Amino acid sequence: MADRPLRPSSLINTVYGAFLRRLGGWISVADLPTLMAELDVDGPAARSAISRLKKKGVLEPERRGATGYLLSPGAHPVFDEGDRRIFGSPEPAKLK
């Protein structure tokens, strides 16, 4: 596998899938780009990825005292399936 950096949208999906979903699925507008900066994603790239994820219906804006992003209800089944594929135990091969 090549040593190339992950796309910002892939990193955001990973952060939501692995962490934010279990913490209510919401993060403030200010904190998501700050978090992405810790993963070496610059501000413009993070904001562009967030915008694309909103347009695709993965994230939706929600105000909780501050404006933030919530994982959309429609995205939950996709993330749940990813969990099953990544963390589920494979079924044993069927013997003939």
C-alpha atoms as a PDB file:
ATOM      1  CA  MET A   1       0.000   0.000   0.000  1.00  0.00           C
ATOM      2  CA  ALA A   2       1.297   3.458  -0.846  1.00  0.00           C
ATOM      3  CA  ASP A   3       2.273   5.862   1.898  1.00  0.00           C
ATOM      4  CA  ARG A   4      -0.097   8.608   0.932  1.00  0.00           C
ATOM      5  CA  PRO A   5      -2.138  10.666   3.367  1.00  0.00           C
ATOM      6  CA  LEU A   6      -5.808   9.928   3.822  1.00  0.00           C
ATOM      7  CA  ARG A   7      -8.268  12.326   2.285  1.00  0.00           C
ATOM      8  CA  PRO A   8      -9.728  14.809   4.780  1.00  0.00           C
ATOM      9  CA  SER A   9     -13.252  13.431   4.268  1.00  0.00           C
ATOM     10  CA  SER A  10     -11.984   9.911   5.036  1.00  0.00           C
ATOM     11  CA  LEU A  11     -10.415  11.167   8.254  1.00  0.00           C
ATOM     12  CA  ILE A  12     -13.641  12.936   9.250  1.00  0.00           C
ATOM     13  CA  ASN A  13     -15.590   9.730   8.585  1.00  0.00           C
ATOM     14  CA  THR A  14     -13.100   7.810  10.726  1.00  0.00           C
ATOM     15  CA  VAL A  15     -13.380  10.317  13.571  1.00  0.00           C
ATOM     16  CA  TYR A  16     -17.188  10.135  13.467  1.00  0.00           C
ATOM     17  CA  GLY A  17     -17.265   6.370  13.063  1.00  0.00           C
ATOM     18  CA  ALA A  18     -14.735   5.528  15.735  1.00  0.00           C
ATOM     19  CA  PHE A  19     -15.376   8.233  18.325  1.00  0.00           C
ATOM     20  CA  LEU A  20     -18.043  10.889  17.852  1.00  0.00           C
ATOM     21  CA  ARG A  21     -20.938   8.495  17.195  1.00  0.00           C
ATOM     22  CA  ARG A  22     -20.474   6.977  20.627  1.00  0.00           C
ATOM     23  CA  LEU A  23     -20.351  10.451  22.181  1.00  0.00           C
ATOM     24  CA  GLY A  24     -23.649  11.665  20.733  1.00  0.00           C
ATOM     25  CA  GLY A  25     -22.443  12.302  17.169  1.00  0.00           C
ATOM     26  CA  TRP A  26     -22.092  16.082  17.511  1.00  0.00           C
ATOM     27  CA  ILE A  27     -19.060  18.393  17.397  1.00  0.00           C
ATOM     28  CA  SER A  28     -18.912  22.179  17.253  1.00  0.00           C
ATOM     29  CA  VAL A  29     -18.082  24.041  14.063  1.00  0.00           C
ATOM     30  CA  ALA A  30     -14.930  25.397  15.720  1.00  0.00           C
ATOM     31  CA  ASP A  31     -13.741  22.092  17.161  1.00  0.00           C
ATOM     32  CA  LEU A  32     -13.929  19.880  14.070  1.00  0.00           C
ATOM     33  CA  PRO A  33     -11.331  21.843  12.046  1.00  0.00           C
ATOM     34  CA  THR A  34      -9.184  22.112  15.194  1.00  0.00           C
ATOM     35  CA  LEU A  35      -9.347  18.357  15.624  1.00  0.00           C
ATOM     36  CA  MET A  36      -8.538  17.836  11.953  1.00  0.00           C
ATOM     37  CA  ALA A  37      -5.505  20.126  12.319  1.00  0.00           C
ATOM     38  CA  GLU A  38      -4.205  17.668  14.918  1.00  0.00           C
ATOM     39  CA  LEU A  39      -4.384  15.049  12.134  1.00  0.00           C
ATOM     40  CA  ASP A  40      -2.350  17.297   9.782  1.00  0.00           C
ATOM     41  CA  VAL A  41      -5.355  18.519   7.781  1.00  0.00           C
ATOM     42  CA  ASP A  42      -5.182  22.260   7.168  1.00  0.00           C
ATOM     43  CA  GLY A  43      -8.198  24.482   7.770  1.00  0.00           C
ATOM     44  CA  PRO A  44      -9.255  25.044   4.139  1.00  0.00           C
ATOM     45  CA  ALA A  45      -9.062  21.311   3.343  1.00  0.00           C
ATOM     46  CA  ALA A  46     -11.064  20.452   6.489  1.00  0.00           C
ATOM     47  CA  ARG A  47     -13.751  23.047   5.725  1.00  0.00           C
ATOM     48  CA  SER A  48     -13.992  21.842   2.119  1.00  0.00           C
ATOM     49  CA  ALA A  49     -14.357  18.212   3.253  1.00  0.00           C
ATOM     50  CA  ILE A  50     -17.020  19.218   5.793  1.00  0.00           C
ATOM     51  CA  SER A  51     -18.924  21.070   3.079  1.00  0.00           C
ATOM     52  CA  ARG A  52     -18.824  18.022   0.786  1.00  0.00           C
ATOM     53  CA  LEU A  53     -20.008  15.727   3.597  1.00  0.00           C
ATOM     54  CA  LYS A  54     -22.900  18.107   4.311  1.00  0.00           C
ATOM     55  CA  LYS A  55     -23.882  18.125   0.620  1.00  0.00           C
ATOM     56  CA  LYS A  56     -23.779  14.308   0.559  1.00  0.00           C
ATOM     57  CA  GLY A  57     -26.073  14.189   3.596  1.00  0.00           C
ATOM     58  CA  VAL A  58     -23.509  12.609   5.933  1.00  0.00           C
ATOM     59  CA  LEU A  59     -23.334  15.616   8.272  1.00  0.00           C
ATOM     60  CA  GLU A  60     -26.045  18.085   9.129  1.00  0.00           C
ATOM     61  CA  PRO A  61     -25.798  21.347  11.026  1.00  0.00           C
ATOM     62  CA  GLU A  62     -27.279  21.429  14.501  1.00  0.00           C
ATOM     63  CA  ARG A  63     -27.204  24.060  17.204  1.00  0.00           C
ATOM     64  CA  ARG A  64     -26.512  22.938  20.773  1.00  0.00           C
ATOM     65  CA  GLY A  65     -25.645  26.202  22.438  1.00  0.00           C
ATOM     66  CA  ALA A  66     -23.075  26.541  19.643  1.00  0.00           C
ATOM     67  CA  THR A  67     -23.399  25.624  16.005  1.00  0.00           C
ATOM     68  CA  GLY A  68     -22.040  22.210  15.164  1.00  0.00           C
ATOM     69  CA  TYR A  69     -22.295  19.161  12.985  1.00  0.00           C
ATOM     70  CA  LEU A  70     -24.292  16.036  13.699  1.00  0.00           C
ATOM     71  CA  LEU A  71     -23.981  12.736  11.919  1.00  0.00           C
ATOM     72  CA  SER A  72     -27.209  12.497   9.937  1.00  0.00           C
ATOM     73  CA  PRO A  73     -29.655   9.710  10.790  1.00  0.00           C
ATOM     74  CA  GLY A  74     -29.327   8.369   7.253  1.00  0.00           C
ATOM     75  CA  ALA A  75     -25.590   7.868   7.712  1.00  0.00           C
ATOM     76  CA  HIS A  76     -25.929   5.683  10.816  1.00  0.00           C
ATOM     77  CA  PRO A  77     -26.747   2.457   8.916  1.00  0.00           C
ATOM     78  CA  VAL A  78     -23.698   2.955   6.701  1.00  0.00           C
ATOM     79  CA  PHE A  79     -21.445   3.377   9.727  1.00  0.00           C
ATOM     80  CA  ASP A  80     -23.115   0.425  11.475  1.00  0.00           C
ATOM     81  CA  GLU A  81     -22.429  -1.777   8.447  1.00  0.00           C
ATOM     82  CA  GLY A  82     -18.822  -0.587   8.460  1.00  0.00           C
ATOM     83  CA  ASP A  83     -18.553  -1.629  12.111  1.00  0.00           C
ATOM     84  CA  ARG A  84     -19.863  -5.091  11.252  1.00  0.00           C
ATOM     85  CA  ARG A  85     -17.398  -5.453   8.394  1.00  0.00           C
ATOM     86  CA  ILE A  86     -14.417  -4.154  10.366  1.00  0.00           C
ATOM     87  CA  PHE A  87     -15.078  -5.554  13.824  1.00  0.00           C
ATOM     88  CA  GLY A  88     -17.360  -8.516  13.178  1.00  0.00           C
ATOM     89  CA  SER A  89     -15.931 -11.988  13.191  1.00  0.00           C
ATOM     90  CA  PRO A  90     -15.911 -13.625   9.794  1.00  0.00           C
ATOM     91  CA  GLU A  91     -18.038 -16.679   9.303  1.00  0.00           C
ATOM     92  CA  PRO A  92     -16.088 -19.887   8.961  1.00  0.00           C
ATOM     93  CA  ALA A  93     -15.711 -21.256   5.460  1.00  0.00           C
ATOM     94  CA  LYS A  94     -18.284 -23.859   4.547  1.00  0.00           C
ATOM     95  CA  LEU A  95     -16.901 -27.331   3.972  1.00  0.00           C
ATOM     96  CA  LYS A  96     -18.010 -29.114   0.844  1.00  0.00           C
END
